[in-house]
Amino acid sequence: MKTIKIGNTSLIVEQCDITKEKADAIVNAANSHLAHGGGVALAIARAGGDIINKESREYVQKNGPVPTGNVAVTSAGKMPSKYVIHTVGPIWGEGEEDEKLESAFYNSLAKANEMGLKSIAFPAVSSGIYGFPKERCAKIFFKTVEKFLEGKTTTLELIKMCLFSKKDYDIFVKVMEKEF
């Protein structure tokens, strides 16, 4: 685990299972229809139970698909966290991927802050089945967190990047050490 402080907020990179995090909210790398069929989204839907799929379907029926870079919120079901902030990251090759990924990270942080949450845990959004290069994802994540916290009062005391594999963890730590 690697930790730094930015103002009053701790930023942690850890190799862990996001579905077991006790953060107020965990972030789901979702598709625009909130159909949780693979990767992190499937793991979260399985761990949280049917309520996540039910609330996701209701959200899309009421509001339509979630645009890339935007967020939707559901409960966390059976997981220890309280909420799931579903964000839609870009598919590598669709165009303007960096800006869209920055929006996905930023809007997740903004939603958590708007909700008055103290802690949030992220996966490496878009860097799995969507093919976004992991090192590039890491750079965008850290720059976005720094931009979000810059000169702003926030309720967030803890922001965590939760990486399932040791290889991904090592990539994020290397980038973190360069950026900070």
C-alpha atoms as a PDB file:
ATOM      1  CA  MET A   1       0.000   0.000   0.000  1.00  0.00           C
ATOM      2  CA  LYS A   2       1.253   3.457  -0.922  1.00  0.00           C
ATOM      3  CA  THR A   3      -0.198   6.627   0.665  1.00  0.00           C
ATOM      4  CA  ILE A   4       0.242  10.361   0.161  1.00  0.00           C
ATOM      5  CA  LYS A   5      -1.610  13.365   1.595  1.00  0.00           C
ATOM      6  CA  ILE A   6      -3.087  16.137  -0.518  1.00  0.00           C
ATOM      7  CA  GLY A   7      -4.369  18.771   1.889  1.00  0.00           C
ATOM      8  CA  ASN A   8      -6.622  16.919   4.339  1.00  0.00           C
ATOM      9  CA  THR A   9      -7.241  13.999   1.969  1.00  0.00           C
ATOM     10  CA  SER A  10      -5.299  10.732   1.950  1.00  0.00           C
ATOM     11  CA  LEU A  11      -4.704   9.217  -1.474  1.00  0.00           C
ATOM     12  CA  ILE A  12      -3.993   5.486  -1.309  1.00  0.00           C
ATOM     13  CA  VAL A  13      -3.003   2.946  -3.942  1.00  0.00           C
ATOM     14  CA  GLU A  14      -3.564  -0.615  -2.785  1.00  0.00           C
ATOM     15  CA  GLN A  15      -3.781  -4.108  -4.221  1.00  0.00           C
ATOM     16  CA  CYS A  16      -7.233  -5.179  -3.052  1.00  0.00           C
ATOM     17  CA  ASP A  17     -10.705  -6.415  -3.964  1.00  0.00           C
ATOM     18  CA  ILE A  18     -12.968  -3.379  -4.439  1.00  0.00           C
ATOM     19  CA  THR A  19     -16.069  -5.420  -3.548  1.00  0.00           C
ATOM     20  CA  LYS A  20     -14.712  -5.815   0.016  1.00  0.00           C
ATOM     21  CA  GLU A  21     -13.914  -2.134   0.570  1.00  0.00           C
ATOM     22  CA  LYS A  22     -15.577  -0.380   3.523  1.00  0.00           C
ATOM     23  CA  ALA A  23     -15.516   2.993   1.759  1.00  0.00           C
ATOM     24  CA  ASP A  24     -18.683   5.095   1.753  1.00  0.00           C
ATOM     25  CA  ALA A  25     -18.771   4.544  -2.016  1.00  0.00           C
ATOM     26  CA  ILE A  26     -17.019   2.318  -4.486  1.00  0.00           C
ATOM     27  CA  VAL A  27     -16.843   3.226  -8.156  1.00  0.00           C
ATOM     28  CA  ASN A  28     -18.000   0.829 -10.823  1.00  0.00           C
ATOM     29  CA  ALA A  29     -16.521   0.898 -14.318  1.00  0.00           C
ATOM     30  CA  ALA A  30     -19.903   0.665 -16.038  1.00  0.00           C
ATOM     31  CA  ASN A  31     -21.300   0.743 -19.552  1.00  0.00           C
ATOM     32  CA  SER A  32     -23.898   3.350 -20.489  1.00  0.00           C
ATOM     33  CA  HIS A  33     -26.826   0.938 -20.000  1.00  0.00           C
ATOM     34  CA  LEU A  34     -25.580  -0.104 -16.527  1.00  0.00           C
ATOM     35  CA  ALA A  35     -25.699  -3.737 -17.692  1.00  0.00           C
ATOM     36  CA  HIS A  36     -23.076  -5.303 -15.438  1.00  0.00           C
ATOM     37  CA  GLY A  37     -21.926  -8.186 -17.623  1.00  0.00           C
ATOM     38  CA  GLY A  38     -18.145  -8.315 -17.291  1.00  0.00           C
ATOM     39  CA  GLY A  39     -15.008  -7.171 -15.501  1.00  0.00           C
ATOM     40  CA  VAL A  40     -15.310  -5.017 -12.387  1.00  0.00           C
ATOM     41  CA  ALA A  41     -19.001  -4.374 -13.090  1.00  0.00           C
ATOM     42  CA  LEU A  42     -19.841  -8.078 -12.962  1.00  0.00           C
ATOM     43  CA  ALA A  43     -17.791  -8.583  -9.783  1.00  0.00           C
ATOM     44  CA  ILE A  44     -19.623  -5.676  -8.111  1.00  0.00           C
ATOM     45  CA  ALA A  45     -23.055  -6.887  -9.263  1.00  0.00           C
ATOM     46  CA  ARG A  46     -22.340 -10.416  -7.980  1.00  0.00           C
ATOM     47  CA  ALA A  47     -20.975  -9.244  -4.628  1.00  0.00           C
ATOM     48  CA  GLY A  48     -23.740  -6.684  -4.071  1.00  0.00           C
ATOM     49  CA  GLY A  49     -26.602  -8.912  -5.132  1.00  0.00           C
ATOM     50  CA  ASP A  50     -29.694  -8.419  -7.298  1.00  0.00           C
ATOM     51  CA  ILE A  51     -30.517  -5.005  -5.836  1.00  0.00           C
ATOM     52  CA  ILE A  52     -27.682  -3.386  -7.826  1.00  0.00           C
ATOM     53  CA  ASN A  53     -29.002  -4.719 -11.145  1.00  0.00           C
ATOM     54  CA  LYS A  54     -32.565  -3.762 -10.170  1.00  0.00           C
ATOM     55  CA  GLU A  55     -31.613  -0.194  -9.212  1.00  0.00           C
ATOM     56  CA  SER A  56     -29.433   0.107 -12.331  1.00  0.00           C
ATOM     57  CA  ARG A  57     -32.296  -0.947 -14.628  1.00  0.00           C
ATOM     58  CA  GLU A  58     -34.652   1.484 -12.874  1.00  0.00           C
ATOM     59  CA  TYR A  59     -32.133   4.308 -13.282  1.00  0.00           C
ATOM     60  CA  VAL A  60     -31.742   3.705 -17.030  1.00  0.00           C
ATOM     61  CA  GLN A  61     -35.515   3.320 -17.534  1.00  0.00           C
ATOM     62  CA  LYS A  62     -36.126   6.641 -15.799  1.00  0.00           C
ATOM     63  CA  ASN A  63     -33.116   8.654 -17.057  1.00  0.00           C
ATOM     64  CA  GLY A  64     -31.875   6.892 -20.187  1.00  0.00           C
ATOM     65  CA  PRO A  65     -28.339   5.649 -20.823  1.00  0.00           C
ATOM     66  CA  VAL A  66     -25.512   7.249 -18.861  1.00  0.00           C
ATOM     67  CA  PRO A  67     -23.242   9.237 -21.220  1.00  0.00           C
ATOM     68  CA  THR A  68     -19.509   8.493 -21.236  1.00  0.00           C
ATOM     69  CA  GLY A  69     -17.818  10.439 -18.442  1.00  0.00           C
ATOM     70  CA  ASN A  70     -20.999  10.748 -16.374  1.00  0.00           C
ATOM     71  CA  VAL A  71     -22.231   8.891 -13.272  1.00  0.00           C
ATOM     72  CA  ALA A  72     -25.248   7.194 -11.715  1.00  0.00           C
ATOM     73  CA  VAL A  73     -25.624   6.042  -8.097  1.00  0.00           C
ATOM     74  CA  THR A  74     -27.147   2.900  -6.598  1.00  0.00           C
ATOM     75  CA  SER A  75     -26.967   1.289  -3.208  1.00  0.00           C
ATOM     76  CA  ALA A  76     -24.161  -1.221  -2.605  1.00  0.00           C
ATOM     77  CA  GLY A  77     -26.433  -4.124  -1.691  1.00  0.00           C
ATOM     78  CA  LYS A  78     -24.617  -6.774   0.331  1.00  0.00           C
ATOM     79  CA  MET A  79     -21.183  -5.127   0.046  1.00  0.00           C
ATOM     80  CA  PRO A  80     -19.675  -3.262   3.029  1.00  0.00           C
ATOM     81  CA  SER A  81     -19.748   0.092   1.212  1.00  0.00           C
ATOM     82  CA  LYS A  82     -22.930   2.207   1.249  1.00  0.00           C
ATOM     83  CA  TYR A  83     -23.111   3.241  -2.404  1.00  0.00           C
ATOM     84  CA  VAL A  84     -21.896   2.351  -5.867  1.00  0.00           C
ATOM     85  CA  ILE A  85     -21.089   5.285  -8.119  1.00  0.00           C
ATOM     86  CA  HIS A  86     -21.311   3.872 -11.633  1.00  0.00           C
ATOM     87  CA  THR A  87     -19.184   5.802 -14.115  1.00  0.00           C
ATOM     88  CA  VAL A  88     -18.933   5.221 -17.834  1.00  0.00           C
ATOM     89  CA  GLY A  89     -15.359   5.330 -19.038  1.00  0.00           C
ATOM     90  CA  PRO A  90     -14.281   5.505 -22.678  1.00  0.00           C
ATOM     91  CA  ILE A  91     -13.528   2.561 -24.925  1.00  0.00           C
ATOM     92  CA  TRP A  92      -9.961   2.842 -26.228  1.00  0.00           C
ATOM     93  CA  GLY A  93     -10.063   4.021 -29.831  1.00  0.00           C
ATOM     94  CA  GLU A  94     -13.404   5.870 -29.725  1.00  0.00           C
ATOM     95  CA  GLY A  95     -11.803   9.331 -29.687  1.00  0.00           C
ATOM     96  CA  GLU A  96     -11.159  11.927 -26.964  1.00  0.00           C
ATOM     97  CA  GLU A  97     -10.448   9.090 -24.530  1.00  0.00           C
ATOM     98  CA  ASP A  98      -8.222  11.117 -22.179  1.00  0.00           C
ATOM     99  CA  GLU A  99     -10.845  13.843 -21.696  1.00  0.00           C
ATOM    100  CA  LYS A 100     -13.633  11.292 -21.244  1.00  0.00           C
ATOM    101  CA  LEU A 101     -11.657   9.315 -18.659  1.00  0.00           C
ATOM    102  CA  GLU A 102     -10.813  12.505 -16.778  1.00  0.00           C
ATOM    103  CA  SER A 103     -14.543  13.332 -16.720  1.00  0.00           C
ATOM    104  CA  ALA A 104     -15.387   9.850 -15.415  1.00  0.00           C
ATOM    105  CA  PHE A 105     -12.932  10.216 -12.519  1.00  0.00           C
ATOM    106  CA  TYR A 106     -13.788  13.873 -11.827  1.00  0.00           C
ATOM    107  CA  ASN A 107     -17.566  13.379 -11.901  1.00  0.00           C
ATOM    108  CA  SER A 108     -17.262  10.399  -9.528  1.00  0.00           C
ATOM    109  CA  LEU A 109     -15.319  12.539  -7.048  1.00  0.00           C
ATOM    110  CA  ALA A 110     -17.773  15.424  -7.460  1.00  0.00           C
ATOM    111  CA  LYS A 111     -20.770  13.130  -6.856  1.00  0.00           C
ATOM    112  CA  ALA A 112     -19.167  11.684  -3.705  1.00  0.00           C
ATOM    113  CA  ASN A 113     -18.450  15.195  -2.450  1.00  0.00           C
ATOM    114  CA  GLU A 114     -21.986  16.351  -3.321  1.00  0.00           C
ATOM    115  CA  MET A 115     -23.335  13.414  -1.288  1.00  0.00           C
ATOM    116  CA  GLY A 116     -21.139  14.410   1.682  1.00  0.00           C
ATOM    117  CA  LEU A 117     -19.152  11.156   1.614  1.00  0.00           C
ATOM    118  CA  LYS A 118     -15.838  10.762   3.430  1.00  0.00           C
ATOM    119  CA  SER A 119     -14.304   7.897   1.435  1.00  0.00           C
ATOM    120  CA  ILE A 120     -14.329   6.521  -2.096  1.00  0.00           C
ATOM    121  CA  ALA A 121     -12.563   3.598  -3.779  1.00  0.00           C
ATOM    122  CA  PHE A 122     -11.906   3.405  -7.526  1.00  0.00           C
ATOM    123  CA  PRO A 123     -10.972   0.652  -9.943  1.00  0.00           C
ATOM    124  CA  ALA A 124      -8.719   1.475 -12.915  1.00  0.00           C
ATOM    125  CA  VAL A 125     -11.693   2.632 -15.022  1.00  0.00           C
ATOM    126  CA  SER A 126     -11.561   1.688 -18.733  1.00  0.00           C
ATOM    127  CA  SER A 127      -8.193  -0.111 -18.412  1.00  0.00           C
ATOM    128  CA  GLY A 128      -9.645  -3.629 -18.457  1.00  0.00           C
ATOM    129  CA  ILE A 129     -12.010  -4.824 -21.165  1.00  0.00           C
ATOM    130  CA  TYR A 130     -12.248  -1.276 -22.606  1.00  0.00           C
ATOM    131  CA  GLY A 131      -8.516  -1.427 -23.442  1.00  0.00           C
ATOM    132  CA  PHE A 132      -7.315   1.922 -22.057  1.00  0.00           C
ATOM    133  CA  PRO A 133      -3.518   1.754 -21.443  1.00  0.00           C
ATOM    134  CA  LYS A 134      -2.950   1.301 -17.704  1.00  0.00           C
ATOM    135  CA  GLU A 135      -0.063   3.736 -17.288  1.00  0.00           C
ATOM    136  CA  ARG A 136      -2.027   6.414 -19.125  1.00  0.00           C
ATOM    137  CA  CYS A 137      -5.063   5.644 -16.930  1.00  0.00           C
ATOM    138  CA  ALA A 138      -2.895   6.076 -13.829  1.00  0.00           C
ATOM    139  CA  LYS A 139      -1.545   9.454 -14.987  1.00  0.00           C
ATOM    140  CA  ILE A 140      -5.055  10.718 -15.709  1.00  0.00           C
ATOM    141  CA  PHE A 141      -6.350   9.425 -12.355  1.00  0.00           C
ATOM    142  CA  PHE A 142      -3.660  11.184 -10.299  1.00  0.00           C
ATOM    143  CA  LYS A 143      -3.866  14.444 -12.265  1.00  0.00           C
ATOM    144  CA  THR A 144      -7.663  14.424 -11.930  1.00  0.00           C
ATOM    145  CA  VAL A 145      -7.541  13.812  -8.170  1.00  0.00           C
ATOM    146  CA  GLU A 146      -5.019  16.618  -7.788  1.00  0.00           C
ATOM    147  CA  LYS A 147      -7.148  18.947  -9.949  1.00  0.00           C
ATOM    148  CA  PHE A 148     -10.293  18.042  -7.990  1.00  0.00           C
ATOM    149  CA  LEU A 149      -8.688  18.692  -4.590  1.00  0.00           C
ATOM    150  CA  GLU A 150      -6.851  21.857  -5.638  1.00  0.00           C
ATOM    151  CA  GLY A 151      -8.128  24.838  -3.689  1.00  0.00           C
ATOM    152  CA  LYS A 152     -11.394  23.098  -2.849  1.00  0.00           C
ATOM    153  CA  THR A 153     -13.075  22.215   0.408  1.00  0.00           C
ATOM    154  CA  THR A 154     -14.177  18.603   0.221  1.00  0.00           C
ATOM    155  CA  THR A 155     -15.809  16.082   2.507  1.00  0.00           C
ATOM    156  CA  LEU A 156     -13.521  13.386   1.076  1.00  0.00           C
ATOM    157  CA  GLU A 157     -10.908  12.302   3.608  1.00  0.00           C
ATOM    158  CA  LEU A 158      -9.862   9.169   1.697  1.00  0.00           C
ATOM    159  CA  ILE A 159      -9.547   8.451  -2.013  1.00  0.00           C
ATOM    160  CA  LYS A 160      -8.333   4.947  -2.839  1.00  0.00           C
ATOM    161  CA  MET A 161      -7.273   3.320  -6.099  1.00  0.00           C
ATOM    162  CA  CYS A 162      -8.033  -0.355  -5.591  1.00  0.00           C
ATOM    163  CA  LEU A 163      -6.148  -2.642  -7.985  1.00  0.00           C
ATOM    164  CA  PHE A 164      -6.822  -6.356  -8.199  1.00  0.00           C
ATOM    165  CA  SER A 165      -3.495  -7.504  -9.697  1.00  0.00           C
ATOM    166  CA  LYS A 166       0.051  -6.943  -8.454  1.00  0.00           C
ATOM    167  CA  LYS A 167       1.074  -5.913 -11.993  1.00  0.00           C
ATOM    168  CA  ASP A 168      -1.553  -3.133 -12.086  1.00  0.00           C
ATOM    169  CA  TYR A 169      -0.646  -2.071  -8.538  1.00  0.00           C
ATOM    170  CA  ASP A 170       3.031  -1.754  -9.524  1.00  0.00           C
ATOM    171  CA  ILE A 171       2.118   0.388 -12.570  1.00  0.00           C
ATOM    172  CA  PHE A 172       0.010   2.782 -10.468  1.00  0.00           C
ATOM    173  CA  VAL A 173       2.645   3.067  -7.711  1.00  0.00           C
ATOM    174  CA  LYS A 174       5.338   3.839 -10.288  1.00  0.00           C
ATOM    175  CA  VAL A 175       3.195   6.592 -11.823  1.00  0.00           C
ATOM    176  CA  MET A 176       2.221   7.920  -8.371  1.00  0.00           C
ATOM    177  CA  GLU A 177       5.880   8.222  -7.386  1.00  0.00           C
ATOM    178  CA  LYS A 178       6.630  10.168 -10.614  1.00  0.00           C
ATOM    179  CA  GLU A 179       3.587  12.474 -10.258  1.00  0.00           C
ATOM    180  CA  PHE A 180       4.053  13.336  -6.573  1.00  0.00           C
END
